[in-house]
């Protein structure tokens, strides 16, 4: 991975992990360790792929579409890893993933 790619991953982790861990802990889904492992894990799995494919994007809509796909993948992985119960909690998890990804994308566009 390139230095800019590692910087992007570090920024993603710095922004998204606290958001996801905060939601998981506030909702009482998991303890600190499982929350941290899940939050780091989904980002390590998705961010490098998104970073690699986004280099060829020519439209902001491509980034939006890619972020939607990433959000679906991350939410699905966290629904599997964390014992989220019921539709309302699944929606809360989806909102957490959207919030985390929106924040890291916005900050990344501003600083990287």
Protein backbone atom coordinates (compact mmCIF):
# COMPACT_ATOMS: atom_id res chain seq x y z
CA UNK A 1 0.00 0.00 0.00
CA UNK A 2 1.25 3.48 -0.83
CA UNK A 3 1.92 6.22 1.72
CA UNK A 4 -1.18 8.19 0.60
CA UNK A 5 -3.20 4.99 0.87
CA UNK A 6 -1.95 4.39 4.40
CA UNK A 7 -2.74 8.01 5.30
CA UNK A 8 -6.26 7.56 3.96
CA UNK A 9 -6.69 4.35 5.97
CA UNK A 10 -5.39 6.03 9.13
CA UNK A 11 -7.81 8.93 8.66
CA UNK A 12 -10.69 6.54 8.03
CA UNK A 13 -9.92 4.60 11.19
CA UNK A 14 -9.47 7.76 13.26
CA UNK A 15 -12.87 9.09 12.20
CA UNK A 16 -15.02 5.99 11.78
CA UNK A 17 -13.91 3.76 14.65
CA UNK A 18 -15.01 6.16 17.43
CA UNK A 19 -18.38 6.67 15.74
CA UNK A 20 -19.06 2.96 15.32
CA UNK A 21 -17.75 2.01 18.75
CA UNK A 22 -19.79 4.81 20.31
CA UNK A 23 -22.99 3.60 18.66
CA UNK A 24 -22.29 -0.04 19.57
CA UNK A 25 -21.57 0.77 23.20
CA UNK A 26 -24.48 3.21 23.57
CA UNK A 27 -26.87 0.63 22.13
CA UNK A 28 -25.45 -2.05 24.41
CA UNK A 29 -24.78 -4.46 21.55
CA UNK A 30 -21.25 -5.45 22.49
CA UNK A 31 -18.39 -4.79 24.87
CA UNK A 32 -15.43 -2.53 24.08
CA UNK A 33 -13.25 -5.22 22.56
CA UNK A 34 -15.84 -6.65 20.16
CA UNK A 35 -16.93 -3.13 19.21
CA UNK A 36 -13.35 -2.12 18.47
CA UNK A 37 -12.56 -5.28 16.51
CA UNK A 38 -15.72 -4.91 14.44
CA UNK A 39 -15.18 -1.22 13.71
CA UNK A 40 -11.54 -1.68 12.74
CA UNK A 41 -12.24 -4.89 10.85
CA UNK A 42 -14.92 -3.55 8.52
CA UNK A 43 -12.77 -0.55 7.67
CA UNK A 44 -9.64 -2.58 7.02
CA UNK A 45 -11.72 -4.81 4.75
CA UNK A 46 -13.42 -2.05 2.73
CA UNK A 47 -11.28 1.10 2.75
CA UNK A 48 -8.29 -0.17 0.74
CA UNK A 49 -10.61 -1.46 -2.00
CA UNK A 50 -12.53 1.82 -2.12
CA UNK A 51 -9.29 3.80 -2.18
CA UNK A 52 -7.90 1.72 -5.04
CA UNK A 53 -10.99 1.93 -7.24
CA UNK A 54 -11.69 5.59 -6.50
CA UNK A 55 -8.44 6.63 -8.18
CA UNK A 56 -10.15 6.10 -11.52
CA UNK A 57 -13.34 7.98 -10.71
CA UNK A 58 -14.20 10.85 -13.03
CA UNK A 59 -17.48 11.87 -11.40
CA UNK A 60 -18.50 12.62 -7.83
CA UNK A 61 -21.47 10.31 -8.39
CA UNK A 62 -19.08 7.39 -8.73
CA UNK A 63 -17.79 8.15 -5.24
CA UNK A 64 -21.34 8.39 -3.92
CA UNK A 65 -22.21 5.03 -5.47
CA UNK A 66 -19.05 3.42 -4.13
CA UNK A 67 -19.74 4.78 -0.64
CA UNK A 68 -23.25 3.31 -0.78
CA UNK A 69 -21.81 -0.09 -1.64
CA UNK A 70 -19.20 0.23 1.14
CA UNK A 71 -21.93 1.19 3.62
CA UNK A 72 -24.01 -1.84 2.69
CA UNK A 73 -21.02 -4.16 3.03
CA UNK A 74 -19.95 -2.65 6.37
CA UNK A 75 -23.47 -2.76 7.79
CA UNK A 76 -23.90 -6.37 6.70
CA UNK A 77 -20.58 -7.38 8.27
CA UNK A 78 -21.40 -5.60 11.52
CA UNK A 79 -24.91 -7.10 11.62
CA UNK A 80 -23.21 -10.48 11.40
CA UNK A 81 -20.47 -9.69 13.96
CA UNK A 82 -22.51 -7.76 16.51
CA UNK A 83 -25.68 -9.23 18.07
CA UNK A 84 -28.02 -6.55 16.76
CA UNK A 85 -31.63 -7.51 17.39
CA UNK A 86 -34.65 -6.39 15.45
CA UNK A 87 -35.34 -4.00 12.63
CA UNK A 88 -35.01 -0.82 14.70
CA UNK A 89 -31.55 -1.77 15.92
CA UNK A 90 -30.53 -2.74 12.37
CA UNK A 91 -31.66 0.69 11.18
CA UNK A 92 -29.69 2.30 14.01
CA UNK A 93 -26.62 0.36 12.90
CA UNK A 94 -27.16 1.47 9.30
CA UNK A 95 -27.41 5.10 10.46
CA UNK A 96 -24.15 4.67 12.40
CA UNK A 97 -22.40 3.31 9.31
CA UNK A 98 -23.74 6.13 7.13
CA UNK A 99 -22.69 8.74 9.70
CA UNK A 100 -19.21 7.25 10.05
CA UNK A 101 -18.66 6.97 6.30
CA UNK A 102 -20.03 10.43 5.56
CA UNK A 103 -17.77 11.98 8.18
CA UNK A 104 -14.63 10.21 7.01
CA UNK A 105 -15.36 10.92 3.34
CA UNK A 106 -15.98 14.60 4.00
CA UNK A 107 -12.86 14.99 6.13
CA UNK A 108 -10.82 12.97 3.64
CA UNK A 109 -11.90 15.20 0.77
CA UNK A 110 -10.92 18.25 2.80
CA UNK A 111 -7.52 17.17 4.05
CA UNK A 112 -6.14 14.53 1.67
